[in-house]
Amino acid sequence: HGSRPDLTVDPIKAAVDVYQRLITIPTNHHSMFNTCVVSPCQITAGNKNNIIPETAFIAGNIRFFKYGDGDKIFAKIKEVAENTARAYGTEAVVTSQVMSPLPVINDPACAARGREIAQQVGLTLAEPRDPTAGSDNFAEFLEAFPGFYMNLGTHSSRPGTSGNHHNPTFDVEESTFKKDVEFFLTYTQRFLA
């Protein structure tokens, strides 16, 4: 009962402390030269305001830009969660579901060919941007075959729409697809030649 926290182990206190420690992994436990993101995006515990629950649950995701960093980050998450929980007299069970185990790293020659062909077919090239921490299993193709990942400018300008993925107002400008297909066909022909 919430009136006697001294008689039990409160998993919420442990979970909150685990959360606070997890978000420090990128700055305190990972090389500043190898960017990573640790995002615990969900904490769930209890269903009554006066009962200390038996369990607490944290879920989230990690992002990284260097081969092997996923395993290192997960090992640190496991170590932090288990040791922090132990300090509260409880246990943390850490599991993972690998969704994108590899970073997306473009092949420089393929990317250069893609830029050349994009200009040739009349696409406007955006200035190079900083890497994004979005995840994509396209990395598995790039590990097996040389290639590159690119964003096509299909942002809709219609009122009330957005180009942001995972957003209820997401939409694309379908009139751009003709140029996009022309790019892919030209690249494929050049690649296969």
N, C-alpha and C. Protein backbone atom coordinates (compact mmCIF):
# COMPACT_ATOMS: atom_id res chain seq x y z
N HIS A 1 0.86 -1.20 0.00
CA HIS A 1 0.00 0.00 0.00
C HIS A 1 0.88 1.24 0.00
N GLY A 2 0.36 2.31 -0.62
CA GLY A 2 1.13 3.55 -0.70
C GLY A 2 1.43 4.18 0.64
N SER A 3 0.70 3.78 1.69
CA SER A 3 0.94 4.36 3.01
C SER A 3 2.15 3.74 3.70
N ARG A 4 2.65 2.59 3.18
CA ARG A 4 3.78 1.90 3.82
C ARG A 4 4.85 1.52 2.79
N PRO A 5 5.47 2.52 2.16
CA PRO A 5 6.52 2.19 1.19
C PRO A 5 7.73 1.52 1.83
N ASP A 6 7.83 1.61 3.15
CA ASP A 6 8.95 0.99 3.85
C ASP A 6 8.84 -0.53 3.90
N LEU A 7 7.67 -1.07 3.57
CA LEU A 7 7.46 -2.51 3.66
C LEU A 7 7.61 -3.23 2.32
N THR A 8 8.02 -2.52 1.31
CA THR A 8 8.12 -3.15 -0.01
C THR A 8 9.25 -2.53 -0.81
N VAL A 9 9.48 -3.07 -1.96
CA VAL A 9 10.42 -2.49 -2.92
C VAL A 9 9.57 -1.81 -3.99
N ASP A 10 9.81 -0.54 -4.18
CA ASP A 10 9.03 0.23 -5.14
C ASP A 10 9.72 0.21 -6.50
N PRO A 11 9.15 -0.49 -7.49
CA PRO A 11 9.80 -0.56 -8.79
C PRO A 11 9.77 0.78 -9.54
N ILE A 12 8.86 1.66 -9.16
CA ILE A 12 8.81 2.96 -9.83
C ILE A 12 10.06 3.77 -9.51
N LYS A 13 10.48 3.75 -8.26
CA LYS A 13 11.69 4.48 -7.88
C LYS A 13 12.89 3.93 -8.64
N ALA A 14 12.99 2.61 -8.74
CA ALA A 14 14.10 2.00 -9.48
C ALA A 14 14.02 2.37 -10.96
N ALA A 15 12.81 2.31 -11.54
CA ALA A 15 12.65 2.62 -12.97
C ALA A 15 13.01 4.06 -13.28
N VAL A 16 12.62 4.97 -12.41
CA VAL A 16 12.94 6.39 -12.63
C VAL A 16 14.45 6.59 -12.58
N ASP A 17 15.11 5.94 -11.65
CA ASP A 17 16.57 6.06 -11.56
C ASP A 17 17.23 5.41 -12.77
N VAL A 18 16.74 4.25 -13.19
CA VAL A 18 17.27 3.60 -14.39
C VAL A 18 17.12 4.55 -15.57
N TYR A 19 15.95 5.13 -15.72
CA TYR A 19 15.70 6.07 -16.82
C TYR A 19 16.72 7.21 -16.80
N GLN A 20 16.90 7.83 -15.64
CA GLN A 20 17.83 8.95 -15.52
C GLN A 20 19.25 8.55 -15.92
N ARG A 21 19.63 7.33 -15.59
CA ARG A 21 20.98 6.86 -15.92
C ARG A 21 21.11 6.47 -17.39
N LEU A 22 20.04 5.91 -17.96
CA LEU A 22 20.09 5.52 -19.38
C LEU A 22 20.33 6.72 -20.29
N ILE A 23 19.67 7.83 -19.98
CA ILE A 23 19.79 8.98 -20.88
C ILE A 23 21.17 9.65 -20.80
N THR A 24 22.00 9.23 -19.84
CA THR A 24 23.36 9.76 -19.77
C THR A 24 24.36 8.91 -20.54
N ILE A 25 23.93 7.78 -21.07
CA ILE A 25 24.87 6.90 -21.78
C ILE A 25 25.57 7.62 -22.93
N PRO A 26 24.86 8.35 -23.80
CA PRO A 26 25.57 9.00 -24.91
C PRO A 26 26.66 9.97 -24.47
N THR A 27 26.47 10.67 -23.36
CA THR A 27 27.47 11.65 -22.94
C THR A 27 28.49 11.10 -21.97
N ASN A 28 28.10 10.15 -21.13
CA ASN A 28 29.01 9.68 -20.09
C ASN A 28 29.68 8.34 -20.37
N HIS A 29 29.16 7.58 -21.31
CA HIS A 29 29.69 6.23 -21.51
C HIS A 29 29.98 5.88 -22.96
N HIS A 30 29.89 6.84 -23.85
CA HIS A 30 30.09 6.58 -25.28
C HIS A 30 31.00 7.66 -25.84
N SER A 31 31.86 7.26 -26.75
CA SER A 31 32.81 8.22 -27.31
C SER A 31 32.09 9.42 -27.93
N MET A 32 32.56 10.60 -27.61
CA MET A 32 31.95 11.81 -28.16
C MET A 32 32.19 11.90 -29.66
N PHE A 33 33.10 11.09 -30.20
CA PHE A 33 33.38 11.10 -31.63
C PHE A 33 32.49 10.13 -32.40
N ASN A 34 31.70 9.33 -31.68
CA ASN A 34 30.79 8.36 -32.28
C ASN A 34 29.38 8.61 -31.74
N THR A 35 28.62 9.39 -32.45
CA THR A 35 27.30 9.78 -32.01
C THR A 35 26.39 8.58 -31.78
N CYS A 36 25.62 8.65 -30.69
CA CYS A 36 24.57 7.66 -30.47
C CYS A 36 23.41 8.35 -29.78
N VAL A 37 22.25 7.71 -29.85
CA VAL A 37 21.05 8.21 -29.20
C VAL A 37 20.46 7.07 -28.38
N VAL A 38 20.14 7.34 -27.13
CA VAL A 38 19.43 6.38 -26.28
C VAL A 38 18.13 7.06 -25.88
N SER A 39 17.01 6.52 -26.35
CA SER A 39 15.70 7.14 -26.12
C SER A 39 14.74 6.19 -25.40
N PRO A 40 14.71 6.23 -24.06
CA PRO A 40 13.67 5.48 -23.35
C PRO A 40 12.36 6.25 -23.48
N CYS A 41 11.49 5.78 -24.35
CA CYS A 41 10.29 6.55 -24.72
C CYS A 41 9.02 6.13 -23.99
N GLN A 42 9.11 5.09 -23.18
CA GLN A 42 7.90 4.61 -22.51
C GLN A 42 8.24 4.11 -21.12
N ILE A 43 7.50 4.58 -20.13
CA ILE A 43 7.58 4.04 -18.76
C ILE A 43 6.16 3.72 -18.33
N THR A 44 5.94 2.49 -17.88
CA THR A 44 4.61 2.07 -17.46
C THR A 44 4.73 1.37 -16.11
N ALA A 45 3.86 1.74 -15.19
CA ALA A 45 3.82 1.08 -13.88
C ALA A 45 2.52 1.41 -13.18
N GLY A 46 1.98 0.43 -12.52
CA GLY A 46 0.82 0.65 -11.66
C GLY A 46 -0.46 0.96 -12.38
N ASN A 47 -1.58 0.82 -11.60
CA ASN A 47 -2.89 1.17 -12.14
C ASN A 47 -3.82 1.78 -11.08
N LYS A 48 -3.26 2.04 -9.89
CA LYS A 48 -4.02 2.71 -8.82
C LYS A 48 -3.10 3.74 -8.16
N ASN A 49 -3.69 4.81 -7.67
CA ASN A 49 -2.86 5.88 -7.09
C ASN A 49 -2.43 5.61 -5.65
N ASN A 50 -2.91 4.51 -5.04
CA ASN A 50 -2.52 4.23 -3.67
C ASN A 50 -1.92 2.84 -3.48
N ILE A 51 -1.56 2.18 -4.58
CA ILE A 51 -0.97 0.85 -4.50
C ILE A 51 0.39 0.88 -5.19
N ILE A 52 1.42 0.48 -4.48
CA ILE A 52 2.75 0.38 -5.07
C ILE A 52 2.74 -0.86 -5.97
N PRO A 53 3.05 -0.70 -7.24
CA PRO A 53 2.93 -1.84 -8.16
C PRO A 53 4.04 -2.86 -7.96
N GLU A 54 3.83 -4.03 -8.52
CA GLU A 54 4.84 -5.09 -8.43
C GLU A 54 5.94 -4.89 -9.45
N THR A 55 5.61 -4.29 -10.60
CA THR A 55 6.59 -4.16 -11.67
C THR A 55 6.52 -2.77 -12.30
N ALA A 56 7.56 -2.43 -13.00
CA ALA A 56 7.61 -1.24 -13.84
C ALA A 56 8.25 -1.66 -15.16
N PHE A 57 7.93 -0.95 -16.20
CA PHE A 57 8.37 -1.32 -17.54
C PHE A 57 8.91 -0.09 -18.25
N ILE A 58 10.07 -0.22 -18.86
CA ILE A 58 10.66 0.86 -19.66
C ILE A 58 10.91 0.30 -21.05
N ALA A 59 10.54 1.05 -22.08
CA ALA A 59 10.83 0.66 -23.46
C ALA A 59 11.39 1.86 -24.20
N GLY A 60 12.21 1.58 -25.17
CA GLY A 60 12.80 2.67 -25.95
C GLY A 60 13.58 2.14 -27.12
N ASN A 61 14.47 2.97 -27.64
CA ASN A 61 15.26 2.58 -28.79
C ASN A 61 16.62 3.25 -28.75
N ILE A 62 17.53 2.72 -29.53
CA ILE A 62 18.86 3.30 -29.65
C ILE A 62 19.16 3.56 -31.12
N ARG A 63 20.01 4.53 -31.37
CA ARG A 63 20.45 4.86 -32.73
C ARG A 63 21.97 5.07 -32.67
N PHE A 64 22.66 4.73 -33.76
CA PHE A 64 24.12 4.86 -33.77
C PHE A 64 24.60 4.93 -35.20
N PHE A 65 25.85 5.36 -35.38
CA PHE A 65 26.41 5.60 -36.70
C PHE A 65 27.65 4.78 -37.01
N LYS A 66 28.04 3.88 -36.14
CA LYS A 66 29.28 3.12 -36.35
C LYS A 66 29.01 1.64 -36.13
N TYR A 67 29.57 0.82 -37.02
CA TYR A 67 29.42 -0.62 -36.87
C TYR A 67 29.91 -1.06 -35.50
N GLY A 68 29.15 -1.93 -34.84
CA GLY A 68 29.52 -2.46 -33.53
C GLY A 68 29.01 -1.65 -32.36
N ASP A 69 28.62 -0.39 -32.59
CA ASP A 69 28.16 0.44 -31.48
C ASP A 69 26.84 -0.04 -30.89
N GLY A 70 25.99 -0.65 -31.69
CA GLY A 70 24.72 -1.14 -31.18
C GLY A 70 24.93 -2.14 -30.05
N ASP A 71 25.85 -3.07 -30.25
CA ASP A 71 26.14 -4.07 -29.21
C ASP A 71 26.72 -3.41 -27.97
N LYS A 72 27.62 -2.45 -28.15
CA LYS A 72 28.23 -1.76 -27.01
C LYS A 72 27.18 -0.99 -26.21
N ILE A 73 26.30 -0.30 -26.91
CA ILE A 73 25.27 0.50 -26.24
C ILE A 73 24.31 -0.42 -25.48
N PHE A 74 23.89 -1.51 -26.12
CA PHE A 74 22.98 -2.43 -25.44
C PHE A 74 23.63 -3.03 -24.20
N ALA A 75 24.91 -3.39 -24.29
CA ALA A 75 25.61 -3.94 -23.12
C ALA A 75 25.64 -2.92 -21.98
N LYS A 76 25.83 -1.64 -22.30
CA LYS A 76 25.85 -0.60 -21.26
C LYS A 76 24.44 -0.42 -20.68
N ILE A 77 23.41 -0.47 -21.50
CA ILE A 77 22.02 -0.37 -21.01
C ILE A 77 21.75 -1.50 -20.02
N LYS A 78 22.14 -2.70 -20.38
CA LYS A 78 21.94 -3.87 -19.52
C LYS A 78 22.68 -3.69 -18.19
N GLU A 79 23.92 -3.28 -18.26
CA GLU A 79 24.72 -3.07 -17.05
C GLU A 79 24.10 -2.01 -16.15
N VAL A 80 23.73 -0.89 -16.73
CA VAL A 80 23.14 0.21 -15.95
C VAL A 80 21.83 -0.22 -15.31
N ALA A 81 20.95 -0.83 -16.09
CA ALA A 81 19.63 -1.22 -15.57
C ALA A 81 19.76 -2.27 -14.47
N GLU A 82 20.58 -3.29 -14.69
CA GLU A 82 20.71 -4.35 -13.70
C GLU A 82 21.35 -3.85 -12.41
N ASN A 83 22.40 -3.06 -12.52
CA ASN A 83 23.08 -2.57 -11.31
C ASN A 83 22.23 -1.56 -10.55
N THR A 84 21.52 -0.70 -11.27
CA THR A 84 20.66 0.29 -10.61
C THR A 84 19.51 -0.41 -9.89
N ALA A 85 18.88 -1.36 -10.55
CA ALA A 85 17.77 -2.10 -9.93
C ALA A 85 18.26 -2.83 -8.68
N ARG A 86 19.44 -3.44 -8.78
CA ARG A 86 20.01 -4.16 -7.64
C ARG A 86 20.19 -3.23 -6.44
N ALA A 87 20.58 -1.99 -6.70
CA ALA A 87 20.76 -1.02 -5.62
C ALA A 87 19.45 -0.73 -4.90
N TYR A 88 18.33 -0.94 -5.56
CA TYR A 88 17.00 -0.73 -4.95
C TYR A 88 16.44 -2.03 -4.37
N GLY A 89 17.19 -3.11 -4.47
CA GLY A 89 16.71 -4.38 -3.93
C GLY A 89 15.78 -5.11 -4.86
N THR A 90 15.85 -4.81 -6.13
CA THR A 90 14.98 -5.46 -7.10
C THR A 90 15.82 -5.94 -8.28
N GLU A 91 15.17 -6.42 -9.31
CA GLU A 91 15.86 -6.99 -10.45
C GLU A 91 15.36 -6.35 -11.73
N ALA A 92 16.28 -6.09 -12.64
CA ALA A 92 15.92 -5.61 -13.98
C ALA A 92 16.15 -6.74 -14.97
N VAL A 93 15.16 -6.99 -15.79
CA VAL A 93 15.28 -7.96 -16.88
C VAL A 93 15.34 -7.15 -18.16
N VAL A 94 16.47 -7.19 -18.84
CA VAL A 94 16.68 -6.37 -20.03
C VAL A 94 16.64 -7.26 -21.26
N THR A 95 15.75 -6.94 -22.18
CA THR A 95 15.64 -7.68 -23.43
C THR A 95 15.75 -6.70 -24.59
N SER A 96 16.02 -7.25 -25.75
CA SER A 96 16.09 -6.37 -26.93
C SER A 96 15.44 -7.05 -28.11
N GLN A 97 14.95 -6.22 -29.00
CA GLN A 97 14.42 -6.68 -30.27
C GLN A 97 15.18 -5.89 -31.32
N VAL A 98 16.08 -6.56 -32.00
CA VAL A 98 16.93 -5.87 -32.97
C VAL A 98 16.11 -5.57 -34.21
N MET A 99 16.00 -4.27 -34.53
CA MET A 99 15.24 -3.86 -35.70
C MET A 99 16.17 -3.37 -36.81
N SER A 100 17.12 -2.57 -36.46
CA SER A 100 18.09 -2.05 -37.42
C SER A 100 19.47 -2.19 -36.79
N PRO A 101 20.10 -3.35 -36.96
CA PRO A 101 21.36 -3.60 -36.26
C PRO A 101 22.57 -2.88 -36.84
N LEU A 102 22.41 -2.28 -38.00
CA LEU A 102 23.55 -1.67 -38.68
C LEU A 102 23.28 -0.20 -38.98
N PRO A 103 24.32 0.61 -39.01
CA PRO A 103 24.13 2.00 -39.43
C PRO A 103 24.07 2.08 -40.96
N VAL A 104 23.39 3.07 -41.48
CA VAL A 104 23.34 3.31 -42.92
C VAL A 104 24.57 4.13 -43.30
N ILE A 105 25.49 3.51 -44.05
CA ILE A 105 26.71 4.19 -44.48
C ILE A 105 26.79 4.09 -46.00
N ASN A 106 26.68 5.23 -46.67
CA ASN A 106 26.70 5.27 -48.12
C ASN A 106 28.07 4.92 -48.69
N ASP A 107 28.06 4.26 -49.84
CA ASP A 107 29.29 4.03 -50.59
C ASP A 107 29.60 5.33 -51.34
N PRO A 108 30.78 5.92 -51.11
CA PRO A 108 31.09 7.22 -51.71
C PRO A 108 30.99 7.25 -53.24
N ALA A 109 31.46 6.21 -53.92
CA ALA A 109 31.41 6.19 -55.39
C ALA A 109 29.97 6.13 -55.89
N CYS A 110 29.15 5.30 -55.25
CA CYS A 110 27.74 5.21 -55.65
C CYS A 110 27.00 6.52 -55.38
N ALA A 111 27.29 7.13 -54.25
CA ALA A 111 26.63 8.41 -53.92
C ALA A 111 27.05 9.49 -54.92
N ALA A 112 28.31 9.52 -55.31
CA ALA A 112 28.78 10.51 -56.29
C ALA A 112 28.08 10.29 -57.63
N ARG A 113 27.96 9.01 -58.06
CA ARG A 113 27.26 8.70 -59.31
C ARG A 113 25.79 9.14 -59.20
N GLY A 114 25.19 8.92 -58.04
CA GLY A 114 23.79 9.33 -57.85
C GLY A 114 23.62 10.83 -57.95
N ARG A 115 24.54 11.60 -57.38
CA ARG A 115 24.47 13.06 -57.47
C ARG A 115 24.59 13.52 -58.92
N GLU A 116 25.52 12.90 -59.64
CA GLU A 116 25.73 13.26 -61.06
C GLU A 116 24.46 13.00 -61.87
N ILE A 117 23.87 11.82 -61.67
CA ILE A 117 22.66 11.45 -62.43
C ILE A 117 21.48 12.31 -62.01
N ALA A 118 21.37 12.63 -60.74
CA ALA A 118 20.28 13.50 -60.28
C ALA A 118 20.34 14.85 -61.00
N GLN A 119 21.53 15.41 -61.12
CA GLN A 119 21.67 16.68 -61.84
C GLN A 119 21.34 16.51 -63.31
N GLN A 120 21.78 15.39 -63.87
CA GLN A 120 21.54 15.12 -65.29
C GLN A 120 20.05 15.07 -65.62
N VAL A 121 19.24 14.47 -64.74
CA VAL A 121 17.80 14.36 -65.03
C VAL A 121 17.02 15.59 -64.56
N GLY A 122 17.72 16.57 -64.00
CA GLY A 122 17.07 17.82 -63.64
C GLY A 122 16.58 17.93 -62.21
N LEU A 123 17.05 17.06 -61.33
CA LEU A 123 16.70 17.20 -59.92
C LEU A 123 17.60 18.26 -59.28
N THR A 124 17.05 19.01 -58.36
CA THR A 124 17.83 20.00 -57.63
C THR A 124 18.43 19.34 -56.41
N LEU A 125 19.75 19.46 -56.27
CA LEU A 125 20.42 18.82 -55.14
C LEU A 125 20.40 19.74 -53.93
N ALA A 126 20.04 19.19 -52.81
CA ALA A 126 20.09 19.94 -51.55
C ALA A 126 21.53 19.92 -51.05
N GLU A 127 21.86 20.89 -50.24
CA GLU A 127 23.18 20.90 -49.61
C GLU A 127 23.30 19.68 -48.70
N PRO A 128 24.48 19.08 -48.62
CA PRO A 128 24.64 17.94 -47.70
C PRO A 128 24.26 18.36 -46.28
N ARG A 129 23.61 17.45 -45.58
CA ARG A 129 23.15 17.72 -44.23
C ARG A 129 23.88 16.82 -43.24
N ASP A 130 23.71 17.15 -41.98
CA ASP A 130 24.25 16.29 -40.95
C ASP A 130 23.53 14.94 -41.01
N PRO A 131 24.17 13.88 -40.53
CA PRO A 131 23.49 12.58 -40.51
C PRO A 131 22.21 12.66 -39.66
N THR A 132 21.27 11.81 -39.98
CA THR A 132 20.03 11.75 -39.21
C THR A 132 20.04 10.48 -38.36
N ALA A 133 19.37 10.54 -37.23
CA ALA A 133 19.31 9.37 -36.35
C ALA A 133 18.09 8.51 -36.63
N GLY A 134 17.38 8.79 -37.71
CA GLY A 134 16.30 7.92 -38.12
C GLY A 134 16.86 6.54 -38.44
N SER A 135 16.09 5.50 -38.21
CA SER A 135 16.61 4.16 -38.49
C SER A 135 15.93 3.59 -39.72
N ASP A 136 16.63 2.70 -40.37
CA ASP A 136 16.10 2.09 -41.59
C ASP A 136 16.84 0.79 -41.83
N ASN A 137 16.15 -0.25 -42.21
CA ASN A 137 16.82 -1.52 -42.47
C ASN A 137 17.50 -1.53 -43.83
N PHE A 138 17.49 -0.41 -44.55
CA PHE A 138 18.23 -0.30 -45.80
C PHE A 138 19.72 -0.58 -45.57
N ALA A 139 20.18 -0.39 -44.33
CA ALA A 139 21.57 -0.66 -43.98
C ALA A 139 21.95 -2.11 -44.30
N GLU A 140 21.00 -3.02 -44.22
CA GLU A 140 21.30 -4.41 -44.52
C GLU A 140 21.63 -4.60 -46.00
N PHE A 141 20.99 -3.83 -46.88
CA PHE A 141 21.34 -3.86 -48.31
C PHE A 141 22.74 -3.28 -48.51
N LEU A 142 23.02 -2.16 -47.82
CA LEU A 142 24.32 -1.51 -48.00
C LEU A 142 25.47 -2.33 -47.45
N GLU A 143 25.18 -3.22 -46.52
CA GLU A 143 26.23 -4.11 -46.03
C GLU A 143 26.54 -5.17 -47.09
N ALA A 144 25.52 -5.59 -47.83
CA ALA A 144 25.69 -6.64 -48.83
C ALA A 144 26.14 -6.10 -50.19
N PHE A 145 25.69 -4.89 -50.54
CA PHE A 145 25.96 -4.33 -51.86
C PHE A 145 26.31 -2.86 -51.72
N PRO A 146 27.21 -2.36 -52.56
CA PRO A 146 27.50 -0.92 -52.51
C PRO A 146 26.28 -0.14 -53.00
N GLY A 147 26.00 0.96 -52.33
CA GLY A 147 24.85 1.77 -52.70
C GLY A 147 24.80 3.04 -51.87
N PHE A 148 23.66 3.68 -51.88
CA PHE A 148 23.50 4.91 -51.11
C PHE A 148 22.04 5.11 -50.78
N TYR A 149 21.82 5.84 -49.73
CA TYR A 149 20.47 6.18 -49.28
C TYR A 149 20.27 7.65 -49.59
N MET A 150 19.12 7.97 -50.14
CA MET A 150 18.86 9.37 -50.46
C MET A 150 17.43 9.73 -50.13
N ASN A 151 17.19 10.99 -49.93
CA ASN A 151 15.84 11.50 -49.72
C ASN A 151 15.42 12.24 -50.98
N LEU A 152 14.24 11.93 -51.46
CA LEU A 152 13.70 12.63 -52.61
C LEU A 152 12.77 13.73 -52.13
N GLY A 153 12.88 14.88 -52.71
CA GLY A 153 12.07 16.02 -52.28
C GLY A 153 10.65 15.92 -52.76
N THR A 154 9.83 15.21 -52.03
CA THR A 154 8.43 15.03 -52.41
C THR A 154 7.49 15.68 -51.40
N HIS A 155 8.00 16.66 -50.67
CA HIS A 155 7.21 17.34 -49.63
C HIS A 155 6.00 18.03 -50.27
N SER A 156 4.85 17.78 -49.70
CA SER A 156 3.61 18.39 -50.19
C SER A 156 3.49 19.82 -49.67
N SER A 157 3.07 20.70 -50.55
CA SER A 157 2.85 22.10 -50.14
C SER A 157 1.37 22.39 -49.92
N ARG A 158 0.53 21.35 -50.00
CA ARG A 158 -0.91 21.55 -49.78
C ARG A 158 -1.16 21.97 -48.33
N PRO A 159 -2.04 22.90 -48.10
CA PRO A 159 -2.33 23.35 -46.73
C PRO A 159 -2.76 22.17 -45.84
N GLY A 160 -2.25 22.17 -44.63
CA GLY A 160 -2.62 21.14 -43.67
C GLY A 160 -1.83 19.86 -43.78
N THR A 161 -0.85 19.82 -44.69
CA THR A 161 -0.04 18.61 -44.83
C THR A 161 1.37 18.88 -44.34
N SER A 162 2.08 17.80 -44.11
CA SER A 162 3.43 17.88 -43.58
C SER A 162 4.32 16.87 -44.28
N GLY A 163 5.60 17.17 -44.36
CA GLY A 163 6.55 16.22 -44.91
C GLY A 163 7.19 15.38 -43.82
N ASN A 164 6.76 15.56 -42.60
CA ASN A 164 7.36 14.83 -41.48
C ASN A 164 6.76 13.44 -41.36
N HIS A 165 7.63 12.44 -41.42
CA HIS A 165 7.17 11.05 -41.28
C HIS A 165 6.62 10.84 -39.86
N HIS A 166 5.84 9.80 -39.69
CA HIS A 166 5.24 9.45 -38.39
C HIS A 166 4.41 10.62 -37.86
N ASN A 167 3.72 11.25 -38.74
CA ASN A 167 2.90 12.41 -38.40
C ASN A 167 1.55 12.23 -39.10
N PRO A 168 0.44 12.49 -38.42
CA PRO A 168 -0.86 12.27 -39.06
C PRO A 168 -1.12 13.15 -40.27
N THR A 169 -0.36 14.23 -40.45
CA THR A 169 -0.57 15.10 -41.61
C THR A 169 0.44 14.82 -42.73
N PHE A 170 1.19 13.72 -42.63
CA PHE A 170 2.19 13.39 -43.64
C PHE A 170 1.52 13.21 -45.00
N ASP A 171 2.14 13.77 -46.01
CA ASP A 171 1.66 13.62 -47.38
C ASP A 171 2.83 13.86 -48.32
N VAL A 172 2.70 13.39 -49.55
CA VAL A 172 3.74 13.61 -50.55
C VAL A 172 3.15 14.31 -51.77
N GLU A 173 4.01 14.96 -52.52
CA GLU A 173 3.62 15.61 -53.77
C GLU A 173 3.84 14.60 -54.89
N GLU A 174 2.76 13.96 -55.33
CA GLU A 174 2.87 12.87 -56.29
C GLU A 174 3.38 13.31 -57.66
N SER A 175 3.26 14.59 -57.98
CA SER A 175 3.72 15.06 -59.29
C SER A 175 5.24 14.93 -59.43
N THR A 176 5.95 14.79 -58.34
CA THR A 176 7.42 14.64 -58.40
C THR A 176 7.84 13.23 -58.76
N PHE A 177 6.92 12.27 -58.69
CA PHE A 177 7.29 10.88 -58.90
C PHE A 177 7.87 10.61 -60.29
N LYS A 178 7.43 11.36 -61.31
CA LYS A 178 7.93 11.14 -62.67
C LYS A 178 9.44 11.35 -62.71
N LYS A 179 9.93 12.44 -62.12
CA LYS A 179 11.37 12.70 -62.08
C LYS A 179 12.09 11.66 -61.23
N ASP A 180 11.45 11.24 -60.15
CA ASP A 180 12.06 10.24 -59.27
C ASP A 180 12.28 8.92 -60.02
N VAL A 181 11.26 8.50 -60.78
CA VAL A 181 11.35 7.26 -61.55
C VAL A 181 12.42 7.42 -62.64
N GLU A 182 12.46 8.57 -63.28
CA GLU A 182 13.49 8.83 -64.30
C GLU A 182 14.89 8.69 -63.68
N PHE A 183 15.06 9.22 -62.48
CA PHE A 183 16.36 9.11 -61.80
C PHE A 183 16.72 7.64 -61.59
N PHE A 184 15.79 6.87 -61.02
CA PHE A 184 16.08 5.47 -60.71
C PHE A 184 16.37 4.65 -61.97
N LEU A 185 15.61 4.90 -63.03
CA LEU A 185 15.85 4.17 -64.28
C LEU A 185 17.21 4.53 -64.87
N THR A 186 17.55 5.81 -64.88
CA THR A 186 18.84 6.24 -65.42
C THR A 186 19.98 5.67 -64.60
N TYR A 187 19.84 5.70 -63.27
CA TYR A 187 20.90 5.15 -62.41
C TYR A 187 21.05 3.66 -62.67
N THR A 188 19.94 2.95 -62.77
CA THR A 188 19.99 1.50 -62.99
C THR A 188 20.65 1.18 -64.33
N GLN A 189 20.29 1.91 -65.38
CA GLN A 189 20.91 1.67 -66.69
C GLN A 189 22.41 1.91 -66.63
N ARG A 190 22.82 2.99 -65.98
CA ARG A 190 24.26 3.31 -65.88
C ARG A 190 24.97 2.25 -65.04
N PHE A 191 24.33 1.80 -63.96
CA PHE A 191 24.93 0.81 -63.07
C PHE A 191 25.12 -0.53 -63.79
N LEU A 192 24.12 -0.92 -64.56
CA LEU A 192 24.18 -2.21 -65.24
C LEU A 192 25.04 -2.19 -66.50
N ALA A 193 25.36 -1.02 -66.99
CA ALA A 193 26.12 -0.93 -68.25
C ALA A 193 27.50 -1.35 -68.00
